[in-house]
Protein backbone atom coordinates (compact mmCIF):
# COMPACT_ATOMS: atom_id res chain seq x y z
CA MET A 1 32.64 -2.67 50.19
CA ASP A 2 30.59 -2.10 47.09
CA LEU A 3 29.98 1.17 45.32
CA ALA A 4 26.66 1.90 46.92
CA GLU A 5 28.17 1.73 50.43
CA ARG A 6 31.10 3.92 49.43
CA GLU A 7 28.60 6.44 48.21
CA LYS A 8 26.66 6.34 51.52
CA LEU A 9 29.76 6.83 53.40
CA GLU A 10 30.94 9.70 51.34
CA MET A 11 27.46 11.29 51.65
CA SER A 12 27.19 10.85 55.33
CA GLY A 13 30.18 13.21 55.90
CA GLY A 14 32.56 10.42 56.50
CA MET A 15 34.79 11.78 53.76
CA GLY A 16 38.50 11.13 54.52
CA TYR A 17 37.91 8.64 57.30
CA TYR A 18 38.90 5.06 56.94
CA ALA A 19 36.03 2.67 57.57
CA GLY A 20 38.37 -0.29 57.90
CA ASP A 21 36.69 -2.57 55.61
CA LEU A 22 37.77 -1.13 52.22
CA TYR A 23 40.57 -3.62 51.67
CA ASP A 24 39.48 -6.37 53.92
CA GLU A 25 37.87 -8.57 51.26
CA ASP A 26 39.45 -11.94 50.75
CA GLU A 27 40.98 -13.01 47.56
CA ASN A 28 37.72 -14.87 46.38
CA GLY A 29 35.71 -11.85 46.80
CA LEU A 30 38.26 -9.68 44.77
CA ALA A 31 38.42 -12.11 42.07
CA ALA A 32 34.60 -12.17 41.71
CA GLN A 33 34.46 -8.40 41.70
CA GLN A 34 37.10 -8.17 39.01
CA ALA A 35 35.28 -10.86 36.92
CA ALA A 36 32.06 -9.02 37.29
CA GLN A 37 33.80 -5.79 36.12
CA GLN A 38 35.20 -7.54 33.08
CA GLN A 39 31.85 -9.00 32.11
CA GLN A 40 30.18 -5.58 32.25
CA GLY A 41 32.85 -4.07 30.06
CA LYS A 42 32.51 -6.52 27.18
CA GLY A 43 28.85 -7.73 27.74
CA ASN A 44 27.39 -11.09 28.55
CA PRO A 45 27.15 -13.23 25.28
CA LEU A 46 24.28 -15.16 26.51
CA ARG A 47 22.31 -11.92 27.22
CA ASP A 48 23.24 -10.66 23.86
CA HIS A 49 22.05 -13.64 22.05
CA LEU A 50 18.77 -13.66 24.08
CA LYS A 51 18.24 -10.16 23.10
CA LYS A 52 18.81 -10.98 19.49
CA VAL A 53 16.42 -13.84 19.59
CA GLU A 54 13.66 -11.74 21.37
CA ASP A 55 14.02 -9.12 18.68
CA GLN A 56 13.69 -11.82 15.82
CA ASN A 57 10.67 -13.19 17.74
CA SER A 58 9.02 -9.82 17.93
CA GLU A 59 9.52 -9.19 14.22
CA LEU A 60 8.15 -12.49 13.12
CA GLN A 61 5.22 -11.89 15.57
CA LYS A 62 4.41 -8.48 13.61
CA GLN A 63 4.70 -10.41 10.23
CA LEU A 64 2.52 -13.21 11.37
CA ALA A 65 -0.15 -10.73 12.63
CA GLN A 66 -0.08 -8.83 9.19
CA LEU A 67 -0.24 -12.07 7.32
CA LEU A 68 -3.34 -13.34 9.44
CA THR A 69 -5.08 -9.98 8.90
CA GLU A 70 -4.52 -10.20 5.22
CA ASN A 71 -5.62 -13.83 5.08
CA ARG A 72 -8.76 -13.08 7.01
CA GLN A 73 -9.53 -10.00 4.69
CA ALA A 74 -9.16 -12.19 1.60
CA LYS A 75 -11.48 -14.73 2.94
CA ILE A 76 -14.09 -12.12 3.49
CA VAL A 77 -13.77 -10.75 0.06
CA THR A 78 -13.99 -14.14 -1.48
CA ALA A 79 -17.02 -14.98 0.52
CA LEU A 80 -18.75 -11.56 -0.38
CA GLN A 81 -18.10 -12.10 -4.00
CA ALA A 82 -19.33 -15.70 -3.96
CA LYS A 83 -22.64 -14.30 -2.41
CA GLY A 84 -22.89 -11.57 -5.13
CA TYR A 85 -21.84 -8.50 -3.04
CA ASP A 86 -19.40 -5.78 -4.24
CA PRO A 87 -15.90 -6.57 -2.79
CA ALA A 88 -15.56 -2.89 -1.51
CA VAL A 89 -18.22 -4.04 1.16
CA ALA A 90 -15.40 -5.91 2.76
CA GLY A 91 -14.01 -2.79 4.39
CA LEU A 92 -17.31 -2.44 6.43
CA TYR A 93 -17.06 -5.82 7.95
CA GLY A 94 -14.85 -6.09 10.95
CA GLY A 95 -15.72 -9.57 12.32
CA GLU A 96 -14.30 -13.08 11.63
CA PRO A 97 -15.11 -14.80 8.22
CA ASP A 98 -17.17 -17.59 9.91
CA LYS A 99 -19.67 -14.80 11.35
CA LEU A 100 -20.11 -13.19 7.92
CA ASP A 101 -23.31 -14.99 7.26
CA GLU A 102 -24.95 -13.72 10.40
CA TRP A 103 -23.66 -10.28 9.51
CA LEU A 104 -25.17 -10.42 6.03
CA THR A 105 -28.39 -11.45 7.27
CA ASN A 106 -28.80 -8.17 9.35
CA VAL A 107 -27.02 -5.82 6.98
CA GLY A 108 -27.19 -7.57 3.61
CA PRO A 109 -30.24 -5.66 2.16
CA LEU A 110 -28.48 -2.41 2.75
CA LEU A 111 -25.13 -3.31 0.76
CA ALA A 112 -24.47 -2.93 -2.87
CA LYS A 113 -24.65 -5.90 -5.05
CA ALA A 114 -21.90 -6.54 -7.52
CA SER A 115 -22.57 -5.22 -10.93
CA THR A 116 -23.42 -7.94 -13.67
CA ASP A 117 -22.31 -6.45 -16.91
CA THR A 118 -21.67 -9.93 -18.40
CA SER A 119 -25.48 -10.52 -18.56
CA ALA A 120 -26.10 -7.20 -20.33
CA GLN A 121 -23.43 -8.02 -22.96
CA GLY A 122 -24.98 -11.55 -23.51
CA GLN A 123 -28.44 -10.15 -23.95
CA ALA A 124 -27.15 -7.63 -26.65
CA GLN A 125 -25.39 -10.35 -28.60
CA GLN A 126 -28.45 -12.68 -28.34
CA GLN A 127 -30.49 -9.89 -29.86
CA GLY A 128 -28.31 -9.70 -32.88
CA GLY A 129 -27.11 -6.30 -31.92
CA ALA A 130 -23.46 -5.25 -31.63
CA PRO A 131 -21.77 -6.06 -28.34
CA ALA A 132 -21.66 -3.39 -25.69
CA SER A 133 -18.99 -0.83 -26.33
CA THR A 134 -15.64 -1.05 -24.44
CA VAL A 135 -14.78 2.61 -25.00
CA PRO A 136 -14.85 4.68 -21.75
CA ALA A 137 -17.44 7.28 -21.39
CA GLU A 138 -14.95 10.17 -22.07
CA GLY A 139 -13.89 8.61 -25.26
CA GLN A 140 -17.36 8.15 -26.65
CA ALA A 141 -17.55 11.51 -28.44
CA ALA A 142 -14.21 11.06 -30.19
CA LEU A 143 -15.41 7.45 -31.24
CA GLN A 144 -18.58 8.93 -32.59
CA GLN A 145 -16.66 11.57 -34.60
CA MET A 146 -14.37 8.85 -36.04
CA GLN A 147 -17.34 6.69 -37.10
CA GLN A 148 -19.08 9.69 -38.73
CA ALA A 149 -15.70 10.48 -40.67
CA GLY A 150 -16.16 7.11 -42.33
CA ASN A 151 -13.74 4.65 -43.58
CA ASN A 152 -12.01 7.04 -45.95
CA ALA A 153 -10.88 9.35 -43.26
CA ALA A 154 -7.09 9.30 -42.65
CA ALA A 155 -5.58 8.71 -39.34
CA PRO A 156 -3.40 11.61 -38.06
CA ALA A 157 0.11 11.35 -39.56
CA GLY A 158 3.28 11.90 -37.43
CA SER A 159 3.65 12.12 -33.66
CA GLU A 160 2.08 14.73 -31.64
CA ALA A 161 5.07 16.82 -31.57
CA GLU A 162 5.24 16.89 -35.40
CA GLN A 163 1.75 17.77 -35.78
CA ILE A 164 2.06 20.82 -33.40
CA ALA A 165 5.14 21.83 -35.22
CA GLN A 166 3.16 21.73 -38.48
CA MET A 167 0.39 23.78 -36.98
CA ARG A 168 2.85 26.38 -35.60
CA ASN A 169 4.42 26.77 -38.97
CA ALA A 170 1.40 27.44 -40.76
CA GLN A 171 1.83 30.85 -42.54
CA ASP A 172 -1.94 31.91 -42.63
CA PRO A 173 -5.28 30.48 -41.23
CA MET A 174 -6.01 28.83 -44.67
CA ALA A 175 -2.79 26.91 -44.59
CA LEU A 176 -3.57 25.79 -41.02
CA MET A 177 -7.06 24.77 -41.95
CA GLN A 178 -5.71 22.68 -44.99
CA TYR A 179 -3.48 20.87 -42.69
CA LEU A 180 -6.08 20.21 -40.13
CA GLN A 181 -8.46 18.87 -42.74
CA SER A 182 -5.58 16.64 -44.17
CA GLN A 183 -5.36 15.27 -40.64
CA GLY A 184 -9.14 14.31 -40.54
CA ASN A 185 -10.73 17.46 -39.29
CA GLN A 186 -14.19 17.94 -40.85
CA HIS A 187 -14.78 21.54 -39.63
CA PHE A 188 -14.04 24.39 -41.83
CA TRP A 189 -13.19 27.74 -39.94
CA ASN A 190 -14.25 30.76 -42.03
CA GLY A 191 -12.37 33.48 -40.17
């Protein structure tokens, strides 16, 4: 009698009554039942291996999907750059790389073209002028001040911490102004 039949018997109010088939199994049935209990206790090695292989397969499938997505995106970026579009436009396109031309036919006039800084620099050099500046816009003012100071202006001496210490140790405003002028400050404070 298996566990489900025993539970049925107990639930039906047959508690304490002998059904007669509890110990009537032959030796083969009893041996099979004991073998099944032993396998349940330590697990089935074949099932464990199958579970391990399935887990590895699902992990590899995830990695493959990620690599295919990255490859598709790289193809789209390369194709857009070859056609003169800004690579940031690739985020707007969600289709396959072989359908990109159709999409560009419809949407292309609305998209930003890639900047062509190299042609502007080439024109400046051909005209005999200086090449375009490589200093960022926020540093242009400092560059202009250094150019106005001329070649004789000295670069600040010491580290930033040393310079701050010198400024804090100045005894009066005139000493501070003298130090700042020695470091290349052209402005004179008349306080």
